[in-house]
Every structure is written in C-alpha cells, then in structure tokens.
mmCIF file of all heavy atoms, coordinates in Angstrom:
data_MODEL
# 
_entry.id   MODEL 
# 
loop_
_atom_site.group_PDB 
_atom_site.id 
_atom_site.type_symbol 
_atom_site.label_atom_id 
_atom_site.label_alt_id 
_atom_site.label_comp_id 
_atom_site.label_asym_id 
_atom_site.label_entity_id 
_atom_site.label_seq_id 
_atom_site.pdbx_PDB_ins_code 
_atom_site.Cartn_x 
_atom_site.Cartn_y 
_atom_site.Cartn_z 
_atom_site.occupancy 
_atom_site.B_iso_or_equiv 
_atom_site.pdbx_formal_charge 
_atom_site.auth_seq_id 
_atom_site.auth_comp_id 
_atom_site.auth_asym_id 
_atom_site.auth_atom_id 
_atom_site.pdbx_PDB_model_num 
ATOM 1   N N   . ASP A 1 1  ? 67.788 160.257 126.944 1.00 0.00 ? 1  ASP A N   1 
ATOM 2   C CA  . ASP A 1 1  ? 68.918 160.335 125.982 1.00 0.00 ? 1  ASP A CA  1 
ATOM 3   C C   . ASP A 1 1  ? 68.426 161.131 124.796 1.00 0.00 ? 1  ASP A C   1 
ATOM 4   O O   . ASP A 1 1  ? 67.504 160.692 124.041 1.00 0.00 ? 1  ASP A O   1 
ATOM 5   C CB  . ASP A 1 1  ? 69.381 158.915 125.579 1.00 0.00 ? 1  ASP A CB  1 
ATOM 6   C CG  . ASP A 1 1  ? 70.621 158.893 124.724 1.00 0.00 ? 1  ASP A CG  1 
ATOM 7   O OD1 . ASP A 1 1  ? 71.124 160.015 124.430 1.00 0.00 ? 1  ASP A OD1 1 
ATOM 8   O OD2 . ASP A 1 1  ? 71.009 157.815 124.293 1.00 0.00 ? 1  ASP A OD2 1 
ATOM 9   N N   . LEU A 1 2  ? 69.039 162.266 124.518 1.00 0.00 ? 2  LEU A N   1 
ATOM 10  C CA  . LEU A 1 2  ? 68.685 163.076 123.361 1.00 0.00 ? 2  LEU A CA  1 
ATOM 11  C C   . LEU A 1 2  ? 69.438 162.674 122.105 1.00 0.00 ? 2  LEU A C   1 
ATOM 12  O O   . LEU A 1 2  ? 69.169 163.144 121.051 1.00 0.00 ? 2  LEU A O   1 
ATOM 13  C CB  . LEU A 1 2  ? 68.925 164.552 123.659 1.00 0.00 ? 2  LEU A CB  1 
ATOM 14  C CG  . LEU A 1 2  ? 68.109 165.186 124.777 1.00 0.00 ? 2  LEU A CG  1 
ATOM 15  C CD1 . LEU A 1 2  ? 68.529 166.597 125.032 1.00 0.00 ? 2  LEU A CD1 1 
ATOM 16  C CD2 . LEU A 1 2  ? 66.673 165.059 124.498 1.00 0.00 ? 2  LEU A CD2 1 
ATOM 17  N N   . GLY A 1 3  ? 70.378 161.748 122.280 1.00 0.00 ? 3  GLY A N   1 
ATOM 18  C CA  . GLY A 1 3  ? 71.163 161.282 121.148 1.00 0.00 ? 3  GLY A CA  1 
ATOM 19  C C   . GLY A 1 3  ? 72.647 161.507 121.472 1.00 0.00 ? 3  GLY A C   1 
ATOM 20  O O   . GLY A 1 3  ? 73.040 162.480 122.196 1.00 0.00 ? 3  GLY A O   1 
ATOM 21  N N   . CYS A 1 4  ? 73.478 160.683 120.917 1.00 0.00 ? 4  CYS A N   1 
ATOM 22  C CA  . CYS A 1 4  ? 74.952 160.806 121.126 1.00 0.00 ? 4  CYS A CA  1 
ATOM 23  C C   . CYS A 1 4  ? 75.303 160.797 122.619 1.00 0.00 ? 4  CYS A C   1 
ATOM 24  O O   . CYS A 1 4  ? 76.265 161.466 123.047 1.00 0.00 ? 4  CYS A O   1 
ATOM 25  C CB  . CYS A 1 4  ? 75.520 162.069 120.440 1.00 0.00 ? 4  CYS A CB  1 
ATOM 26  S SG  . CYS A 1 4  ? 75.292 162.065 118.677 1.00 0.00 ? 4  CYS A SG  1 
ATOM 27  N N   . ASN A 1 5  ? 74.548 160.019 123.402 1.00 0.00 ? 5  ASN A N   1 
ATOM 28  C CA  . ASN A 1 5  ? 74.775 159.927 124.825 1.00 0.00 ? 5  ASN A CA  1 
ATOM 29  C C   . ASN A 1 5  ? 74.719 161.256 125.548 1.00 0.00 ? 5  ASN A C   1 
ATOM 30  O O   . ASN A 1 5  ? 75.459 161.501 126.512 1.00 0.00 ? 5  ASN A O   1 
ATOM 31  C CB  . ASN A 1 5  ? 76.113 159.178 125.163 1.00 0.00 ? 5  ASN A CB  1 
ATOM 32  C CG  . ASN A 1 5  ? 76.031 157.719 124.851 1.00 0.00 ? 5  ASN A CG  1 
ATOM 33  O OD1 . ASN A 1 5  ? 74.978 157.113 124.991 1.00 0.00 ? 5  ASN A OD1 1 
ATOM 34  N ND2 . ASN A 1 5  ? 77.118 157.119 124.447 1.00 0.00 ? 5  ASN A ND2 1 
ATOM 35  N N   . PHE A 1 6  ? 73.879 162.153 125.068 1.00 0.00 ? 6  PHE A N   1 
ATOM 36  C CA  . PHE A 1 6  ? 73.647 163.407 125.740 1.00 0.00 ? 6  PHE A CA  1 
ATOM 37  C C   . PHE A 1 6  ? 72.338 163.314 126.478 1.00 0.00 ? 6  PHE A C   1 
ATOM 38  O O   . PHE A 1 6  ? 71.243 163.168 125.856 1.00 0.00 ? 6  PHE A O   1 
ATOM 39  C CB  . PHE A 1 6  ? 73.594 164.570 124.661 1.00 0.00 ? 6  PHE A CB  1 
ATOM 40  C CG  . PHE A 1 6  ? 73.404 165.888 125.283 1.00 0.00 ? 6  PHE A CG  1 
ATOM 41  C CD1 . PHE A 1 6  ? 74.458 166.526 125.990 1.00 0.00 ? 6  PHE A CD1 1 
ATOM 42  C CD2 . PHE A 1 6  ? 72.229 166.574 125.221 1.00 0.00 ? 6  PHE A CD2 1 
ATOM 43  C CE1 . PHE A 1 6  ? 74.308 167.750 126.535 1.00 0.00 ? 6  PHE A CE1 1 
ATOM 44  C CE2 . PHE A 1 6  ? 72.045 167.808 125.793 1.00 0.00 ? 6  PHE A CE2 1 
ATOM 45  C CZ  . PHE A 1 6  ? 73.065 168.422 126.429 1.00 0.00 ? 6  PHE A CZ  1 
ATOM 46  N N   . PHE A 1 7  ? 72.383 163.323 127.838 1.00 0.00 ? 7  PHE A N   1 
ATOM 47  C CA  . PHE A 1 7  ? 71.175 163.081 128.643 1.00 0.00 ? 7  PHE A CA  1 
ATOM 48  C C   . PHE A 1 7  ? 70.734 164.345 129.295 1.00 0.00 ? 7  PHE A C   1 
ATOM 49  O O   . PHE A 1 7  ? 71.539 165.243 129.647 1.00 0.00 ? 7  PHE A O   1 
ATOM 50  C CB  . PHE A 1 7  ? 71.504 162.052 129.735 1.00 0.00 ? 7  PHE A CB  1 
ATOM 51  C CG  . PHE A 1 7  ? 71.672 160.637 129.215 1.00 0.00 ? 7  PHE A CG  1 
ATOM 52  C CD1 . PHE A 1 7  ? 72.941 160.214 128.793 1.00 0.00 ? 7  PHE A CD1 1 
ATOM 53  C CD2 . PHE A 1 7  ? 70.661 159.778 129.169 1.00 0.00 ? 7  PHE A CD2 1 
ATOM 54  C CE1 . PHE A 1 7  ? 73.141 158.920 128.274 1.00 0.00 ? 7  PHE A CE1 1 
ATOM 55  C CE2 . PHE A 1 7  ? 70.801 158.471 128.674 1.00 0.00 ? 7  PHE A CE2 1 
ATOM 56  C CZ  . PHE A 1 7  ? 72.037 158.063 128.256 1.00 0.00 ? 7  PHE A CZ  1 
ATOM 57  N N   . VAL A 1 8  ? 69.422 164.458 129.451 1.00 0.00 ? 8  VAL A N   1 
ATOM 58  C CA  . VAL A 1 8  ? 68.822 165.578 130.258 1.00 0.00 ? 8  VAL A CA  1 
ATOM 59  C C   . VAL A 1 8  ? 67.883 164.930 131.286 1.00 0.00 ? 8  VAL A C   1 
ATOM 60  O O   . VAL A 1 8  ? 67.336 163.848 131.104 1.00 0.00 ? 8  VAL A O   1 
ATOM 61  C CB  . VAL A 1 8  ? 68.058 166.579 129.353 1.00 0.00 ? 8  VAL A CB  1 
ATOM 62  C CG1 . VAL A 1 8  ? 68.958 167.283 128.401 1.00 0.00 ? 8  VAL A CG1 1 
ATOM 63  C CG2 . VAL A 1 8  ? 66.923 165.874 128.564 1.00 0.00 ? 8  VAL A CG2 1 
ATOM 64  N N   . GLN A 1 9  ? 67.717 165.617 132.398 1.00 0.00 ? 9  GLN A N   1 
ATOM 65  C CA  . GLN A 1 9  ? 66.789 165.153 133.405 1.00 0.00 ? 9  GLN A CA  1 
ATOM 66  C C   . GLN A 1 9  ? 65.392 165.546 133.024 1.00 0.00 ? 9  GLN A C   1 
ATOM 67  O O   . GLN A 1 9  ? 65.130 166.608 132.509 1.00 0.00 ? 9  GLN A O   1 
ATOM 68  C CB  . GLN A 1 9  ? 67.115 165.765 134.764 1.00 0.00 ? 9  GLN A CB  1 
ATOM 69  C CG  . GLN A 1 9  ? 68.434 165.230 135.329 1.00 0.00 ? 9  GLN A CG  1 
ATOM 70  C CD  . GLN A 1 9  ? 68.757 165.800 136.674 1.00 0.00 ? 9  GLN A CD  1 
ATOM 71  O OE1 . GLN A 1 9  ? 68.055 166.686 137.193 1.00 0.00 ? 9  GLN A OE1 1 
ATOM 72  N NE2 . GLN A 1 9  ? 69.762 165.220 137.281 1.00 0.00 ? 9  GLN A NE2 1 
ATOM 73  N N   . ALA A 1 10 ? 64.433 164.590 133.253 1.00 0.00 ? 10 ALA A N   1 
ATOM 74  C CA  . ALA A 1 10 ? 63.047 164.863 132.940 1.00 0.00 ? 10 ALA A CA  1 
ATOM 75  C C   . ALA A 1 10 ? 62.192 164.388 134.104 1.00 0.00 ? 10 ALA A C   1 
ATOM 76  O O   . ALA A 1 10 ? 62.597 163.469 134.880 1.00 0.00 ? 10 ALA A O   1 
ATOM 77  C CB  . ALA A 1 10 ? 62.680 164.094 131.677 1.00 0.00 ? 10 ALA A CB  1 
ATOM 78  N N   . GLU A 1 11 ? 61.053 165.018 134.249 1.00 0.00 ? 11 GLU A N   1 
ATOM 79  C CA  . GLU A 1 11 ? 60.095 164.633 135.233 1.00 0.00 ? 11 GLU A CA  1 
ATOM 80  C C   . GLU A 1 11 ? 58.744 164.320 134.547 1.00 0.00 ? 11 GLU A C   1 
ATOM 81  O O   . GLU A 1 11 ? 58.258 165.156 133.782 1.00 0.00 ? 11 GLU A O   1 
ATOM 82  C CB  . GLU A 1 11 ? 59.936 165.749 136.268 1.00 0.00 ? 11 GLU A CB  1 
ATOM 83  C CG  . GLU A 1 11 ? 59.055 165.321 137.439 1.00 0.00 ? 11 GLU A CG  1 
ATOM 84  C CD  . GLU A 1 11 ? 59.071 166.417 138.506 1.00 0.00 ? 11 GLU A CD  1 
ATOM 85  O OE1 . GLU A 1 11 ? 60.159 166.832 138.886 1.00 0.00 ? 11 GLU A OE1 1 
ATOM 86  O OE2 . GLU A 1 11 ? 57.959 166.769 138.954 1.00 0.00 ? 11 GLU A OE2 1 
ATOM 87  N N   . VAL A 1 12 ? 58.215 163.134 134.838 1.00 0.00 ? 12 VAL A N   1 
ATOM 88  C CA  . VAL A 1 12 ? 56.954 162.711 134.214 1.00 0.00 ? 12 VAL A CA  1 
ATOM 89  C C   . VAL A 1 12 ? 55.868 162.886 135.349 1.00 0.00 ? 12 VAL A C   1 
ATOM 90  O O   . VAL A 1 12 ? 55.965 162.317 136.412 1.00 0.00 ? 12 VAL A O   1 
ATOM 91  C CB  . VAL A 1 12 ? 56.996 161.283 133.790 1.00 0.00 ? 12 VAL A CB  1 
ATOM 92  C CG1 . VAL A 1 12 ? 55.660 160.826 133.194 1.00 0.00 ? 12 VAL A CG1 1 
ATOM 93  C CG2 . VAL A 1 12 ? 58.148 161.006 132.803 1.00 0.00 ? 12 VAL A CG2 1 
ATOM 94  N N   . GLU A 1 13 ? 54.918 163.751 135.007 1.00 0.00 ? 13 GLU A N   1 
ATOM 95  C CA  . GLU A 1 13 ? 53.881 164.033 136.008 1.00 0.00 ? 13 GLU A CA  1 
ATOM 96  C C   . GLU A 1 13 ? 52.975 162.855 136.283 1.00 0.00 ? 13 GLU A C   1 
ATOM 97  O O   . GLU A 1 13 ? 52.618 162.580 137.392 1.00 0.00 ? 13 GLU A O   1 
ATOM 98  C CB  . GLU A 1 13 ? 53.033 165.232 135.491 1.00 0.00 ? 13 GLU A CB  1 
ATOM 99  C CG  . GLU A 1 13 ? 53.791 166.536 135.358 1.00 0.00 ? 13 GLU A CG  1 
ATOM 100 C CD  . GLU A 1 13 ? 54.161 167.134 136.718 1.00 0.00 ? 13 GLU A CD  1 
ATOM 101 O OE1 . GLU A 1 13 ? 53.359 166.916 137.693 1.00 0.00 ? 13 GLU A OE1 1 
ATOM 102 O OE2 . GLU A 1 13 ? 55.182 167.767 136.807 1.00 0.00 ? 13 GLU A OE2 1 
ATOM 103 N N   . ASP A 1 14 ? 52.587 162.125 135.192 1.00 0.00 ? 14 ASP A N   1 
ATOM 104 C CA  . ASP A 1 14 ? 51.639 161.038 135.333 1.00 0.00 ? 14 ASP A CA  1 
ATOM 105 C C   . ASP A 1 14 ? 52.194 159.802 134.595 1.00 0.00 ? 14 ASP A C   1 
ATOM 106 O O   . ASP A 1 14 ? 51.970 159.664 133.402 1.00 0.00 ? 14 ASP A O   1 
ATOM 107 C CB  . ASP A 1 14 ? 50.256 161.428 134.728 1.00 0.00 ? 14 ASP A CB  1 
ATOM 108 C CG  . ASP A 1 14 ? 49.245 160.314 134.906 1.00 0.00 ? 14 ASP A CG  1 
ATOM 109 O OD1 . ASP A 1 14 ? 49.482 159.373 135.754 1.00 0.00 ? 14 ASP A OD1 1 
ATOM 110 O OD2 . ASP A 1 14 ? 48.208 160.323 134.167 1.00 0.00 ? 14 ASP A OD2 1 
ATOM 111 N N   . PRO A 1 15 ? 52.903 158.922 135.271 1.00 0.00 ? 15 PRO A N   1 
ATOM 112 C CA  . PRO A 1 15 ? 53.503 157.747 134.649 1.00 0.00 ? 15 PRO A CA  1 
ATOM 113 C C   . PRO A 1 15 ? 52.528 156.603 134.448 1.00 0.00 ? 15 PRO A C   1 
ATOM 114 O O   . PRO A 1 15 ? 52.924 155.486 134.140 1.00 0.00 ? 15 PRO A O   1 
ATOM 115 C CB  . PRO A 1 15 ? 54.645 157.373 135.549 1.00 0.00 ? 15 PRO A CB  1 
ATOM 116 C CG  . PRO A 1 15 ? 54.205 157.808 136.900 1.00 0.00 ? 15 PRO A CG  1 
ATOM 117 C CD  . PRO A 1 15 ? 53.366 159.021 136.650 1.00 0.00 ? 15 PRO A CD  1 
ATOM 118 N N   . SER A 1 16 ? 51.204 156.852 134.617 1.00 0.00 ? 16 SER A N   1 
ATOM 119 C CA  . SER A 1 16 ? 50.259 155.774 134.484 1.00 0.00 ? 16 SER A CA  1 
ATOM 120 C C   . SER A 1 16 ? 49.976 155.414 133.023 1.00 0.00 ? 16 SER A C   1 
ATOM 121 O O   . SER A 1 16 ? 49.346 154.366 132.717 1.00 0.00 ? 16 SER A O   1 
ATOM 122 C CB  . SER A 1 16 ? 48.946 156.133 135.234 1.00 0.00 ? 16 SER A CB  1 
ATOM 123 O OG  . SER A 1 16 ? 48.307 157.193 134.599 1.00 0.00 ? 16 SER A OG  1 
ATOM 124 N N   . ARG A 1 17 ? 50.298 156.284 132.145 1.00 0.00 ? 17 ARG A N   1 
ATOM 125 C CA  . ARG A 1 17 ? 50.129 156.048 130.642 1.00 0.00 ? 17 ARG A CA  1 
ATOM 126 C C   . ARG A 1 17 ? 51.454 156.296 129.946 1.00 0.00 ? 17 ARG A C   1 
ATOM 127 O O   . ARG A 1 17 ? 52.129 157.251 130.263 1.00 0.00 ? 17 ARG A O   1 
ATOM 128 C CB  . ARG A 1 17 ? 49.023 156.933 130.077 1.00 0.00 ? 17 ARG A CB  1 
ATOM 129 C CG  . ARG A 1 17 ? 47.684 156.678 130.781 1.00 0.00 ? 17 ARG A CG  1 
ATOM 130 C CD  . ARG A 1 17 ? 46.557 157.276 130.047 1.00 0.00 ? 17 ARG A CD  1 
ATOM 131 N NE  . ARG A 1 17 ? 46.213 156.772 128.737 1.00 0.00 ? 17 ARG A NE  1 
ATOM 132 C CZ  . ARG A 1 17 ? 45.581 155.597 128.507 1.00 0.00 ? 17 ARG A CZ  1 
ATOM 133 N NH1 . ARG A 1 17 ? 45.273 154.820 129.510 1.00 0.00 ? 17 ARG A NH1 1 
ATOM 134 N NH2 . ARG A 1 17 ? 45.264 155.223 127.280 1.00 0.00 ? 17 ARG A NH2 1 
ATOM 135 N N   . ILE A 1 18 ? 51.755 155.379 129.028 1.00 0.00 ? 18 ILE A N   1 
ATOM 136 C CA  . ILE A 1 18 ? 53.031 155.468 128.311 1.00 0.00 ? 18 ILE A CA  1 
ATOM 137 C C   . ILE A 1 18 ? 52.742 155.277 126.797 1.00 0.00 ? 18 ILE A C   1 
ATOM 138 O O   . ILE A 1 18 ? 51.678 154.769 126.410 1.00 0.00 ? 18 ILE A O   1 
ATOM 139 C CB  . ILE A 1 18 ? 54.057 154.464 128.752 1.00 0.00 ? 18 ILE A CB  1 
ATOM 140 C CG1 . ILE A 1 18 ? 53.518 153.005 128.580 1.00 0.00 ? 18 ILE A CG1 1 
ATOM 141 C CG2 . ILE A 1 18 ? 54.452 154.670 130.217 1.00 0.00 ? 18 ILE A CG2 1 
ATOM 142 C CD1 . ILE A 1 18 ? 54.513 151.950 128.819 1.00 0.00 ? 18 ILE A CD1 1 
ATOM 143 N N   . PHE A 1 19 ? 53.734 155.684 125.984 1.00 0.00 ? 19 PHE A N   1 
ATOM 144 C CA  . PHE A 1 19 ? 53.677 155.432 124.561 1.00 0.00 ? 19 PHE A CA  1 
ATOM 145 C C   . PHE A 1 19 ? 54.564 154.253 124.260 1.00 0.00 ? 19 PHE A C   1 
ATOM 146 O O   . PHE A 1 19 ? 55.701 154.187 124.633 1.00 0.00 ? 19 PHE A O   1 
ATOM 147 C CB  . PHE A 1 19 ? 54.141 156.631 123.770 1.00 0.00 ? 19 PHE A CB  1 
ATOM 148 C CG  . PHE A 1 19 ? 53.152 157.784 123.757 1.00 0.00 ? 19 PHE A CG  1 
ATOM 149 C CD1 . PHE A 1 19 ? 53.131 158.750 124.712 1.00 0.00 ? 19 PHE A CD1 1 
ATOM 150 C CD2 . PHE A 1 19 ? 52.139 157.846 122.771 1.00 0.00 ? 19 PHE A CD2 1 
ATOM 151 C CE1 . PHE A 1 19 ? 52.206 159.803 124.669 1.00 0.00 ? 19 PHE A CE1 1 
ATOM 152 C CE2 . PHE A 1 19 ? 51.200 158.851 122.736 1.00 0.00 ? 19 PHE A CE2 1 
ATOM 153 C CZ  . PHE A 1 19 ? 51.256 159.787 123.674 1.00 0.00 ? 19 PHE A CZ  1 
ATOM 154 N N   . VAL A 1 20 ? 53.980 153.285 123.488 1.00 0.00 ? 20 VAL A N   1 
ATOM 155 C CA  . VAL A 1 20 ? 54.719 152.053 123.146 1.00 0.00 ? 20 VAL A CA  1 
ATOM 156 C C   . VAL A 1 20 ? 54.828 151.985 121.654 1.00 0.00 ? 20 VAL A C   1 
ATOM 157 O O   . VAL A 1 20 ? 53.853 152.184 120.882 1.00 0.00 ? 20 VAL A O   1 
ATOM 158 C CB  . VAL A 1 20 ? 53.906 150.855 123.656 1.00 0.00 ? 20 VAL A CB  1 
ATOM 159 C CG1 . VAL A 1 20 ? 54.654 149.504 123.298 1.00 0.00 ? 20 VAL A CG1 1 
ATOM 160 C CG2 . VAL A 1 20 ? 53.738 150.904 125.172 1.00 0.00 ? 20 VAL A CG2 1 
ATOM 161 N N   . ALA A 1 21 ? 56.096 151.648 121.190 1.00 0.00 ? 21 ALA A N   1 
ATOM 162 C CA  . ALA A 1 21 ? 56.305 151.478 119.729 1.00 0.00 ? 21 ALA A CA  1 
ATOM 163 C C   . ALA A 1 21 ? 55.631 150.153 119.341 1.00 0.00 ? 21 ALA A C   1 
ATOM 164 O O   . ALA A 1 21 ? 55.971 149.089 119.863 1.00 0.00 ? 21 ALA A O   1 
ATOM 165 C CB  . ALA A 1 21 ? 57.791 151.409 119.473 1.00 0.00 ? 21 ALA A CB  1 
ATOM 166 N N   . VAL A 1 22 ? 54.687 150.240 118.406 1.00 0.00 ? 22 VAL A N   1 
ATOM 167 C CA  . VAL A 1 22 ? 53.985 149.032 117.958 1.00 0.00 ? 22 VAL A CA  1 
ATOM 168 C C   . VAL A 1 22 ? 54.459 148.542 116.627 1.00 0.00 ? 22 VAL A C   1 
ATOM 169 O O   . VAL A 1 22 ? 54.025 147.520 116.116 1.00 0.00 ? 22 VAL A O   1 
ATOM 170 C CB  . VAL A 1 22 ? 52.471 149.281 117.957 1.00 0.00 ? 22 VAL A CB  1 
ATOM 171 C CG1 . VAL A 1 22 ? 51.924 149.516 119.368 1.00 0.00 ? 22 VAL A CG1 1 
ATOM 172 C CG2 . VAL A 1 22 ? 52.094 150.421 117.010 1.00 0.00 ? 22 VAL A CG2 1 
ATOM 173 N N   . GLY A 1 23 ? 55.388 149.271 116.014 1.00 0.00 ? 23 GLY A N   1 
ATOM 174 C CA  . GLY A 1 23 ? 55.921 148.862 114.723 1.00 0.00 ? 23 GLY A CA  1 
ATOM 175 C C   . GLY A 1 23 ? 55.674 149.871 113.621 1.00 0.00 ? 23 GLY A C   1 
ATOM 176 O O   . GLY A 1 23 ? 54.769 150.713 113.742 1.00 0.00 ? 23 GLY A O   1 
ATOM 177 N N   . PHE A 1 24 ? 56.512 149.812 112.585 1.00 0.00 ? 24 PHE A N   1 
ATOM 178 C CA  . PHE A 1 24 ? 56.417 150.698 111.437 1.00 0.00 ? 24 PHE A CA  1 
ATOM 179 C C   . PHE A 1 24 ? 56.456 152.181 111.855 1.00 0.00 ? 24 PHE A C   1 
ATOM 180 O O   . PHE A 1 24 ? 55.858 153.047 111.183 1.00 0.00 ? 24 PHE A O   1 
ATOM 181 C CB  . PHE A 1 24 ? 55.155 150.408 110.619 1.00 0.00 ? 24 PHE A CB  1 
ATOM 182 C CG  . PHE A 1 24 ? 55.124 149.035 110.071 1.00 0.00 ? 24 PHE A CG  1 
ATOM 183 C CD1 . PHE A 1 24 ? 54.276 148.074 110.581 1.00 0.00 ? 24 PHE A CD1 1 
ATOM 184 C CD2 . PHE A 1 24 ? 55.971 148.671 109.011 1.00 0.00 ? 24 PHE A CD2 1 
ATOM 185 C CE1 . PHE A 1 24 ? 54.277 146.814 110.050 1.00 0.00 ? 24 PHE A CE1 1 
ATOM 186 C CE2 . PHE A 1 24 ? 55.953 147.364 108.479 1.00 0.00 ? 24 PHE A CE2 1 
ATOM 187 C CZ  . PHE A 1 24 ? 55.094 146.444 108.994 1.00 0.00 ? 24 PHE A CZ  1 
# 
C-alpha cells in the first residue's frame, strides 16, 4: 500500500529478514 489504498505489486528476494517498528 503506497497510501490512499493505492497498491503496487512487489517481490521480496529474501524474506528471511524483516524490518520491525520498535517505537518512536
């Protein structure tokens, strides 16, 4: 979701690592 319900297709090469929101 790029915002305002506008979606694009994406491909993740390596889903073994992700970014997690930890706060602030």
